[in-house]
């Protein structure tokens, strides 16, 4: 997996965690991808803590397909934090 800061951040903390193995979106995952998905989520949580989100929390987002706001056809998790986030997001 890889992790890097978002090029167009929407919060003081905004990074992505992605799989090196290509999976187009979360709806293309099967039972065989459970371990990989768990590892991605655990890494996202670990990095959120390292970047100062432990006390205030963070938002973990997986966009899927056009209606879900996915703009890159490769499964990735957005992690946003460092400020209070509103709902709905927009």
PDB file of N, CA and C in Angstrom:
ATOM      1  N   UNK A   1       0.830  -1.178   0.000  1.00  0.00           N
ATOM      2  CA  UNK A   1       0.000   0.000   0.000  1.00  0.00           C
ATOM      3  C   UNK A   1       0.873   1.239   0.000  1.00  0.00           C
ATOM      4  N   UNK A   2       0.268   2.343  -0.362  1.00  0.00           N
ATOM      5  CA  UNK A   2       0.927   3.649  -0.364  1.00  0.00           C
ATOM      6  C   UNK A   2       0.034   4.635   0.374  1.00  0.00           C
ATOM      7  N   UNK A   3       0.631   5.664   0.928  1.00  0.00           N
ATOM      8  CA  UNK A   3      -0.118   6.747   1.555  1.00  0.00           C
ATOM      9  C   UNK A   3       0.559   8.061   1.184  1.00  0.00           C
ATOM     10  N   UNK A   4      -0.265   9.055   0.906  1.00  0.00           N
ATOM     11  CA  UNK A   4       0.279  10.365   0.558  1.00  0.00           C
ATOM     12  C   UNK A   4      -0.781  11.432   0.795  1.00  0.00           C
ATOM     13  N   UNK A   5      -0.315  12.675   0.948  1.00  0.00           N
ATOM     14  CA  UNK A   5      -1.221  13.801   1.166  1.00  0.00           C
ATOM     15  C   UNK A   5      -2.008  14.080  -0.109  1.00  0.00           C
ATOM     16  N   UNK A   6      -3.276  14.476   0.054  1.00  0.00           N
ATOM     17  CA  UNK A   6      -4.124  14.827  -1.078  1.00  0.00           C
ATOM     18  C   UNK A   6      -3.588  16.099  -1.735  1.00  0.00           C
ATOM     19  N   UNK A   7      -3.617  16.152  -3.059  1.00  0.00           N
ATOM     20  CA  UNK A   7      -3.102  17.326  -3.769  1.00  0.00           C
ATOM     21  C   UNK A   7      -4.048  18.524  -3.684  1.00  0.00           C
ATOM     22  N   UNK A   8      -5.300  18.288  -3.280  1.00  0.00           N
ATOM     23  CA  UNK A   8      -6.286  19.362  -3.124  1.00  0.00           C
ATOM     24  C   UNK A   8      -6.988  19.163  -1.776  1.00  0.00           C
ATOM     25  N   UNK A   9      -6.265  19.413  -0.664  1.00  0.00           N
ATOM     26  CA  UNK A   9      -6.802  19.075   0.656  1.00  0.00           C
ATOM     27  C   UNK A   9      -8.070  19.850   1.007  1.00  0.00           C
ATOM     28  N   UNK A  10      -8.988  19.150   1.665  1.00  0.00           N
ATOM     29  CA  UNK A  10     -10.248  19.736   2.118  1.00  0.00           C
ATOM     30  C   UNK A  10     -10.277  19.926   3.631  1.00  0.00           C
ATOM     31  N   UNK A  11      -9.183  19.625   4.286  1.00  0.00           N
ATOM     32  CA  UNK A  11      -9.052  19.782   5.738  1.00  0.00           C
ATOM     33  C   UNK A  11      -7.559  19.901   6.047  1.00  0.00           C
ATOM     34  N   UNK A  12      -7.210  20.385   7.239  1.00  0.00           N
ATOM     35  CA  UNK A  12      -5.791  20.482   7.591  1.00  0.00           C
ATOM     36  C   UNK A  12      -5.050  19.152   7.459  1.00  0.00           C
ATOM     37  N   UNK A  13      -5.710  18.068   7.796  1.00  0.00           N
ATOM     38  CA  UNK A  13      -5.178  16.724   7.554  1.00  0.00           C
ATOM     39  C   UNK A  13      -6.034  16.112   6.461  1.00  0.00           C
ATOM     40  N   UNK A  14      -5.442  15.747   5.348  1.00  0.00           N
ATOM     41  CA  UNK A  14      -6.178  15.082   4.256  1.00  0.00           C
ATOM     42  C   UNK A  14      -5.168  14.259   3.472  1.00  0.00           C
ATOM     43  N   UNK A  15      -5.256  12.943   3.657  1.00  0.00           N
ATOM     44  CA  UNK A  15      -4.349  12.051   2.950  1.00  0.00           C
ATOM     45  C   UNK A  15      -5.119  10.858   2.405  1.00  0.00           C
ATOM     46  N   UNK A  16      -4.461  10.127   1.519  1.00  0.00           N
ATOM     47  CA  UNK A  16      -5.039   8.947   0.893  1.00  0.00           C
ATOM     48  C   UNK A  16      -4.225   7.726   1.263  1.00  0.00           C
ATOM     49  N   UNK A  17      -4.898   6.604   1.384  1.00  0.00           N
ATOM     50  CA  UNK A  17      -4.247   5.304   1.533  1.00  0.00           C
ATOM     51  C   UNK A  17      -4.770   4.444   0.396  1.00  0.00           C
ATOM     52  N   UNK A  18      -3.843   3.891  -0.404  1.00  0.00           N
ATOM     53  CA  UNK A  18      -4.251   3.111  -1.572  1.00  0.00           C
ATOM     54  C   UNK A  18      -3.535   1.763  -1.595  1.00  0.00           C
ATOM     55  N   UNK A  19      -4.169   0.841  -2.257  1.00  0.00           N
ATOM     56  CA  UNK A  19      -3.590  -0.477  -2.479  1.00  0.00           C
ATOM     57  C   UNK A  19      -2.656  -0.417  -3.680  1.00  0.00           C
ATOM     58  N   UNK A  20      -1.541  -1.122  -3.615  1.00  0.00           N
ATOM     59  CA  UNK A  20      -0.687  -1.232  -4.801  1.00  0.00           C
ATOM     60  C   UNK A  20      -1.325  -2.130  -5.844  1.00  0.00           C
ATOM     61  N   UNK A  21      -2.156  -3.071  -5.385  1.00  0.00           N
ATOM     62  CA  UNK A  21      -2.881  -3.942  -6.326  1.00  0.00           C
ATOM     63  C   UNK A  21      -4.089  -3.174  -6.843  1.00  0.00           C
ATOM     64  N   UNK A  22      -4.278  -3.179  -8.142  1.00  0.00           N
ATOM     65  CA  UNK A  22      -5.383  -2.422  -8.716  1.00  0.00           C
ATOM     66  C   UNK A  22      -6.724  -3.080  -8.418  1.00  0.00           C
ATOM     67  N   UNK A  23      -7.570  -2.308  -7.762  1.00  0.00           N
ATOM     68  CA  UNK A  23      -8.976  -2.634  -7.578  1.00  0.00           C
ATOM     69  C   UNK A  23      -9.705  -1.360  -7.976  1.00  0.00           C
ATOM     70  N   UNK A  24     -10.607  -1.447  -8.923  1.00  0.00           N
ATOM     71  CA  UNK A  24     -11.258  -0.257  -9.467  1.00  0.00           C
ATOM     72  C   UNK A  24     -12.052   0.509  -8.407  1.00  0.00           C
ATOM     73  N   UNK A  25     -12.845  -0.188  -7.604  1.00  0.00           N
ATOM     74  CA  UNK A  25     -13.627   0.452  -6.554  1.00  0.00           C
ATOM     75  C   UNK A  25     -14.057  -0.592  -5.533  1.00  0.00           C
ATOM     76  N   UNK A  26     -14.618  -0.148  -4.436  1.00  0.00           N
ATOM     77  CA  UNK A  26     -14.955  -1.071  -3.356  1.00  0.00           C
ATOM     78  C   UNK A  26     -16.033  -2.074  -3.754  1.00  0.00           C
ATOM     79  N   UNK A  27     -16.867  -1.723  -4.728  1.00  0.00           N
ATOM     80  CA  UNK A  27     -17.915  -2.639  -5.171  1.00  0.00           C
ATOM     81  C   UNK A  27     -17.366  -3.783  -6.013  1.00  0.00           C
ATOM     82  N   UNK A  28     -16.091  -3.717  -6.347  1.00  0.00           N
ATOM     83  CA  UNK A  28     -15.459  -4.819  -7.077  1.00  0.00           C
ATOM     84  C   UNK A  28     -14.682  -5.746  -6.146  1.00  0.00           C
ATOM     85  N   UNK A  29     -14.739  -5.493  -4.848  1.00  0.00           N
ATOM     86  CA  UNK A  29     -14.055  -6.343  -3.877  1.00  0.00           C
ATOM     87  C   UNK A  29     -14.886  -7.591  -3.598  1.00  0.00           C
ATOM     88  N   UNK A  30     -14.191  -8.652  -3.291  1.00  0.00           N
ATOM     89  CA  UNK A  30     -14.836  -9.891  -2.890  1.00  0.00           C
ATOM     90  C   UNK A  30     -14.323 -10.318  -1.532  1.00  0.00           C
ATOM     91  N   UNK A  31     -14.816 -11.459  -1.081  1.00  0.00           N
ATOM     92  CA  UNK A  31     -14.398 -11.986   0.223  1.00  0.00           C
ATOM     93  C   UNK A  31     -12.884 -12.148   0.293  1.00  0.00           C
ATOM     94  N   UNK A  32     -12.257 -12.462  -0.825  1.00  0.00           N
ATOM     95  CA  UNK A  32     -10.804 -12.655  -0.856  1.00  0.00           C
ATOM     96  C   UNK A  32     -10.033 -11.359  -0.597  1.00  0.00           C
ATOM     97  N   UNK A  33     -10.710 -10.220  -0.653  1.00  0.00           N
ATOM     98  CA  UNK A  33     -10.062  -8.930  -0.429  1.00  0.00           C
ATOM     99  C   UNK A  33     -10.202  -8.444   1.015  1.00  0.00           C
ATOM    100  N   UNK A  34     -10.811  -9.243   1.873  1.00  0.00           N
ATOM    101  CA  UNK A  34     -11.056  -8.824   3.254  1.00  0.00           C
ATOM    102  C   UNK A  34      -9.798  -8.460   4.018  1.00  0.00           C
ATOM    103  N   UNK A  35      -8.750  -9.254   3.879  1.00  0.00           N
ATOM    104  CA  UNK A  35      -7.502  -8.970   4.595  1.00  0.00           C
ATOM    105  C   UNK A  35      -6.892  -7.663   4.095  1.00  0.00           C
ATOM    106  N   UNK A  36      -6.870  -7.482   2.793  1.00  0.00           N
ATOM    107  CA  UNK A  36      -6.329  -6.248   2.219  1.00  0.00           C
ATOM    108  C   UNK A  36      -7.115  -5.032   2.708  1.00  0.00           C
ATOM    109  N   UNK A  37      -8.432  -5.103   2.681  1.00  0.00           N
ATOM    110  CA  UNK A  37      -9.253  -3.978   3.131  1.00  0.00           C
ATOM    111  C   UNK A  37      -8.997  -3.664   4.598  1.00  0.00           C
ATOM    112  N   UNK A  38      -8.854  -4.698   5.408  1.00  0.00           N
ATOM    113  CA  UNK A  38      -8.541  -4.495   6.821  1.00  0.00           C
ATOM    114  C   UNK A  38      -7.210  -3.803   7.009  1.00  0.00           C
ATOM    115  N   UNK A  39      -6.215  -4.215   6.241  1.00  0.00           N
ATOM    116  CA  UNK A  39      -4.894  -3.592   6.344  1.00  0.00           C
ATOM    117  C   UNK A  39      -4.934  -2.124   5.923  1.00  0.00           C
ATOM    118  N   UNK A  40      -5.698  -1.811   4.879  1.00  0.00           N
ATOM    119  CA  UNK A  40      -5.819  -0.420   4.434  1.00  0.00           C
ATOM    120  C   UNK A  40      -6.453   0.438   5.526  1.00  0.00           C
ATOM    121  N   UNK A  41      -7.525  -0.061   6.131  1.00  0.00           N
ATOM    122  CA  UNK A  41      -8.197   0.699   7.186  1.00  0.00           C
ATOM    123  C   UNK A  41      -7.312   0.877   8.414  1.00  0.00           C
ATOM    124  N   UNK A  42      -6.610  -0.172   8.796  1.00  0.00           N
ATOM    125  CA  UNK A  42      -5.729  -0.066   9.957  1.00  0.00           C
ATOM    126  C   UNK A  42      -4.586   0.911   9.714  1.00  0.00           C
ATOM    127  N   UNK A  43      -4.034   0.918   8.502  1.00  0.00           N
ATOM    128  CA  UNK A  43      -2.976   1.884   8.178  1.00  0.00           C
ATOM    129  C   UNK A  43      -3.539   3.302   8.184  1.00  0.00           C
ATOM    130  N   UNK A  44      -4.739   3.492   7.649  1.00  0.00           N
ATOM    131  CA  UNK A  44      -5.366   4.813   7.650  1.00  0.00           C
ATOM    132  C   UNK A  44      -5.546   5.321   9.083  1.00  0.00           C
ATOM    133  N   UNK A  45      -5.994   4.449   9.967  1.00  0.00           N
ATOM    134  CA  UNK A  45      -6.188   4.824  11.373  1.00  0.00           C
ATOM    135  C   UNK A  45      -4.853   5.152  12.038  1.00  0.00           C
ATOM    136  N   UNK A  46      -3.848   4.349  11.789  1.00  0.00           N
ATOM    137  CA  UNK A  46      -2.514   4.580  12.360  1.00  0.00           C
ATOM    138  C   UNK A  46      -1.962   5.938  11.927  1.00  0.00           C
ATOM    139  N   UNK A  47      -2.068   6.240  10.653  1.00  0.00           N
ATOM    140  CA  UNK A  47      -1.548   7.509  10.144  1.00  0.00           C
ATOM    141  C   UNK A  47      -2.355   8.695  10.659  1.00  0.00           C
ATOM    142  N   UNK A  48      -3.673   8.535  10.795  1.00  0.00           N
ATOM    143  CA  UNK A  48      -4.501   9.615  11.349  1.00  0.00           C
ATOM    144  C   UNK A  48      -4.037   9.963  12.758  1.00  0.00           C
ATOM    145  N   UNK A  49      -3.731   8.943  13.560  1.00  0.00           N
ATOM    146  CA  UNK A  49      -3.213   9.191  14.914  1.00  0.00           C
ATOM    147  C   UNK A  49      -1.877   9.936  14.840  1.00  0.00           C
ATOM    148  N   UNK A  50      -0.973   9.461  13.964  1.00  0.00           N
ATOM    149  CA  UNK A  50       0.351  10.088  13.840  1.00  0.00           C
ATOM    150  C   UNK A  50       0.263  11.549  13.420  1.00  0.00           C
ATOM    151  N   UNK A  51      -0.774  11.881  12.647  1.00  0.00           N
ATOM    152  CA  UNK A  51      -0.925  13.247  12.144  1.00  0.00           C
ATOM    153  C   UNK A  51      -1.786  14.121  13.059  1.00  0.00           C
ATOM    154  N   UNK A  52      -2.054  13.630  14.274  1.00  0.00           N
ATOM    155  CA  UNK A  52      -2.688  14.461  15.283  1.00  0.00           C
ATOM    156  C   UNK A  52      -4.198  14.388  15.399  1.00  0.00           C
ATOM    157  N   UNK A  53      -4.812  13.376  14.821  1.00  0.00           N
ATOM    158  CA  UNK A  53      -6.276  13.281  14.837  1.00  0.00           C
ATOM    159  C   UNK A  53      -6.835  12.430  15.973  1.00  0.00           C
ATOM    160  N   UNK A  54      -5.981  11.901  16.830  1.00  0.00           N
ATOM    161  CA  UNK A  54      -6.469  10.982  17.863  1.00  0.00           C
ATOM    162  C   UNK A  54      -7.509  11.634  18.778  1.00  0.00           C
ATOM    163  N   UNK A  55      -7.237  12.825  19.271  1.00  0.00           N
ATOM    164  CA  UNK A  55      -8.152  13.454  20.224  1.00  0.00           C
ATOM    165  C   UNK A  55      -9.455  13.910  19.571  1.00  0.00           C
ATOM    166  N   UNK A  56      -9.358  14.627  18.462  1.00  0.00           N
ATOM    167  CA  UNK A  56     -10.550  15.193  17.827  1.00  0.00           C
ATOM    168  C   UNK A  56     -11.259  14.259  16.866  1.00  0.00           C
ATOM    169  N   UNK A  57     -10.571  13.241  16.384  1.00  0.00           N
ATOM    170  CA  UNK A  57     -11.170  12.303  15.443  1.00  0.00           C
ATOM    171  C   UNK A  57     -10.878  12.658  13.994  1.00  0.00           C
ATOM    172  N   UNK A  58     -11.416  11.859  13.109  1.00  0.00           N
ATOM    173  CA  UNK A  58     -11.187  12.032  11.676  1.00  0.00           C
ATOM    174  C   UNK A  58     -12.334  11.393  10.913  1.00  0.00           C
ATOM    175  N   UNK A  59     -12.409  11.694   9.654  1.00  0.00           N
ATOM    176  CA  UNK A  59     -13.398  11.077   8.761  1.00  0.00           C
ATOM    177  C   UNK A  59     -12.647  10.182   7.781  1.00  0.00           C
ATOM    178  N   UNK A  60     -13.146   8.952   7.628  1.00  0.00           N
ATOM    179  CA  UNK A  60     -12.576   7.969   6.711  1.00  0.00           C
ATOM    180  C   UNK A  60     -13.593   7.757   5.604  1.00  0.00           C
ATOM    181  N   UNK A  61     -13.204   8.039   4.346  1.00  0.00           N
ATOM    182  CA  UNK A  61     -14.155   8.049   3.233  1.00  0.00           C
ATOM    183  C   UNK A  61     -13.658   7.166   2.099  1.00  0.00           C
ATOM    184  N   UNK A  62     -14.566   6.351   1.564  1.00  0.00           N
ATOM    185  CA  UNK A  62     -14.296   5.599   0.339  1.00  0.00           C
ATOM    186  C   UNK A  62     -15.389   5.974  -0.648  1.00  0.00           C
ATOM    187  N   UNK A  63     -15.040   6.782  -1.649  1.00  0.00           N
ATOM    188  CA  UNK A  63     -15.987   7.138  -2.698  1.00  0.00           C
ATOM    189  C   UNK A  63     -16.060   5.990  -3.704  1.00  0.00           C
ATOM    190  N   UNK A  64     -17.238   5.787  -4.302  1.00  0.00           N
ATOM    191  CA  UNK A  64     -17.402   4.666  -5.220  1.00  0.00           C
ATOM    192  C   UNK A  64     -18.248   5.060  -6.424  1.00  0.00           C
ATOM    193  N   UNK A  65     -17.664   4.959  -7.598  1.00  0.00           N
ATOM    194  CA  UNK A  65     -18.305   5.233  -8.888  1.00  0.00           C
ATOM    195  C   UNK A  65     -18.720   6.699  -8.996  1.00  0.00           C
ATOM    196  N   UNK A  66     -19.308   7.059 -10.119  1.00  0.00           N
ATOM    197  CA  UNK A  66     -19.628   8.462 -10.401  1.00  0.00           C
ATOM    198  C   UNK A  66     -20.563   9.090  -9.371  1.00  0.00           C
ATOM    199  N   UNK A  67     -21.672   8.434  -9.070  1.00  0.00           N
ATOM    200  CA  UNK A  67     -22.643   9.009  -8.143  1.00  0.00           C
ATOM    201  C   UNK A  67     -22.087   9.100  -6.725  1.00  0.00           C
ATOM    202  N   UNK A  68     -21.103   8.287  -6.408  1.00  0.00           N
ATOM    203  CA  UNK A  68     -20.474   8.327  -5.084  1.00  0.00           C
ATOM    204  C   UNK A  68     -19.317   9.299  -4.996  1.00  0.00           C
ATOM    205  N   UNK A  69     -19.015   9.983  -6.097  1.00  0.00           N
ATOM    206  CA  UNK A  69     -17.962  10.994  -6.086  1.00  0.00           C
ATOM    207  C   UNK A  69     -16.571  10.480  -6.409  1.00  0.00           C
ATOM    208  N   UNK A  70     -16.457   9.239  -6.895  1.00  0.00           N
ATOM    209  CA  UNK A  70     -15.137   8.697  -7.230  1.00  0.00           C
ATOM    210  C   UNK A  70     -14.641   9.331  -8.523  1.00  0.00           C
ATOM    211  N   UNK A  71     -13.449   9.926  -8.484  1.00  0.00           N
ATOM    212  CA  UNK A  71     -12.878  10.566  -9.679  1.00  0.00           C
ATOM    213  C   UNK A  71     -11.644   9.839 -10.196  1.00  0.00           C
ATOM    214  N   UNK A  72     -11.105   8.922  -9.401  1.00  0.00           N
ATOM    215  CA  UNK A  72      -9.958   8.117  -9.802  1.00  0.00           C
ATOM    216  C   UNK A  72     -10.373   6.656  -9.698  1.00  0.00           C
ATOM    217  N   UNK A  73     -10.259   5.909 -10.792  1.00  0.00           N
ATOM    218  CA  UNK A  73     -10.691   4.516 -10.810  1.00  0.00           C
ATOM    219  C   UNK A  73      -9.650   3.586 -10.195  1.00  0.00           C
ATOM    220  N   UNK A  74      -9.378   3.810  -8.925  1.00  0.00           N
ATOM    221  CA  UNK A  74      -8.494   2.940  -8.146  1.00  0.00           C
ATOM    222  C   UNK A  74      -8.923   3.109  -6.691  1.00  0.00           C
ATOM    223  N   UNK A  75      -9.242   2.008  -6.040  1.00  0.00           N
ATOM    224  CA  UNK A  75      -9.715   2.048  -4.659  1.00  0.00           C
ATOM    225  C   UNK A  75      -8.747   2.822  -3.771  1.00  0.00           C
ATOM    226  N   UNK A  76      -9.281   3.772  -3.020  1.00  0.00           N
ATOM    227  CA  UNK A  76      -8.473   4.520  -2.062  1.00  0.00           C
ATOM    228  C   UNK A  76      -9.356   5.039  -0.935  1.00  0.00           C
ATOM    229  N   UNK A  77      -8.729   5.258   0.201  1.00  0.00           N
ATOM    230  CA  UNK A  77      -9.408   5.796   1.370  1.00  0.00           C
ATOM    231  C   UNK A  77      -8.922   7.220   1.589  1.00  0.00           C
ATOM    232  N   UNK A  78      -9.855   8.156   1.678  1.00  0.00           N
ATOM    233  CA  UNK A  78      -9.527   9.523   2.084  1.00  0.00           C
ATOM    234  C   UNK A  78      -9.623   9.583   3.602  1.00  0.00           C
ATOM    235  N   UNK A  79      -8.678  10.242   4.238  1.00  0.00           N
ATOM    236  CA  UNK A  79      -8.749  10.511   5.669  1.00  0.00           C
ATOM    237  C   UNK A  79      -8.642  12.018   5.849  1.00  0.00           C
ATOM    238  N   UNK A  80      -9.656  12.587   6.511  1.00  0.00           N
ATOM    239  CA  UNK A  80      -9.708  14.025   6.738  1.00  0.00           C
ATOM    240  C   UNK A  80      -9.833  14.308   8.228  1.00  0.00           C
ATOM    241  N   UNK A  81      -9.117  15.297   8.697  1.00  0.00           N
ATOM    242  CA  UNK A  81      -9.184  15.662  10.108  1.00  0.00           C
ATOM    243  C   UNK A  81      -8.516  16.994  10.357  1.00  0.00           C
ATOM    244  N   UNK A  82      -8.338  17.312  11.626  1.00  0.00           N
ATOM    245  CA  UNK A  82      -7.695  18.560  11.993  1.00  0.00           C
ATOM    246  C   UNK A  82      -8.651  19.716  12.173  1.00  0.00           C
ATOM    247  N   UNK A  83      -9.948  19.472  11.951  1.00  0.00           N
ATOM    248  CA  UNK A  83     -10.988  20.476  12.188  1.00  0.00           C
ATOM    249  C   UNK A  83     -12.326  19.748  12.260  1.00  0.00           C
ATOM    250  N   UNK A  84     -13.339  20.441  12.767  1.00  0.00           N
ATOM    251  CA  UNK A  84     -14.683  19.859  12.810  1.00  0.00           C
ATOM    252  C   UNK A  84     -15.212  19.797  11.377  1.00  0.00           C
ATOM    253  N   UNK A  85     -15.711  18.634  10.997  1.00  0.00           N
ATOM    254  CA  UNK A  85     -16.242  18.428   9.655  1.00  0.00           C
ATOM    255  C   UNK A  85     -17.769  18.409   9.713  1.00  0.00           C
ATOM    256  N   UNK A  86     -18.408  19.122   8.803  1.00  0.00           N
ATOM    257  CA  UNK A  86     -19.867  19.182   8.783  1.00  0.00           C
ATOM    258  C   UNK A  86     -20.485  17.979   8.096  1.00  0.00           C
ATOM    259  N   UNK A  87     -21.804  17.845   8.277  1.00  0.00           N
ATOM    260  CA  UNK A  87     -22.567  16.796   7.598  1.00  0.00           C
ATOM    261  C   UNK A  87     -23.903  17.351   7.197  1.00  0.00           C
ATOM    262  N   UNK A  88     -24.386  17.117   5.995  1.00  0.00           N
ATOM    263  CA  UNK A  88     -23.720  16.323   4.958  1.00  0.00           C
ATOM    264  C   UNK A  88     -22.538  17.084   4.378  1.00  0.00           C
ATOM    265  N   UNK A  89     -21.618  16.333   3.761  1.00  0.00           N
ATOM    266  CA  UNK A  89     -20.390  16.967   3.278  1.00  0.00           C
ATOM    267  C   UNK A  89     -20.580  17.912   2.118  1.00  0.00           C
ATOM    268  N   UNK A  90     -21.666  17.821   1.361  1.00  0.00           N
ATOM    269  CA  UNK A  90     -21.872  18.782   0.290  1.00  0.00           C
ATOM    270  C   UNK A  90     -22.272  18.217  -1.014  1.00  0.00           C
TER     271      UNK A  90
END
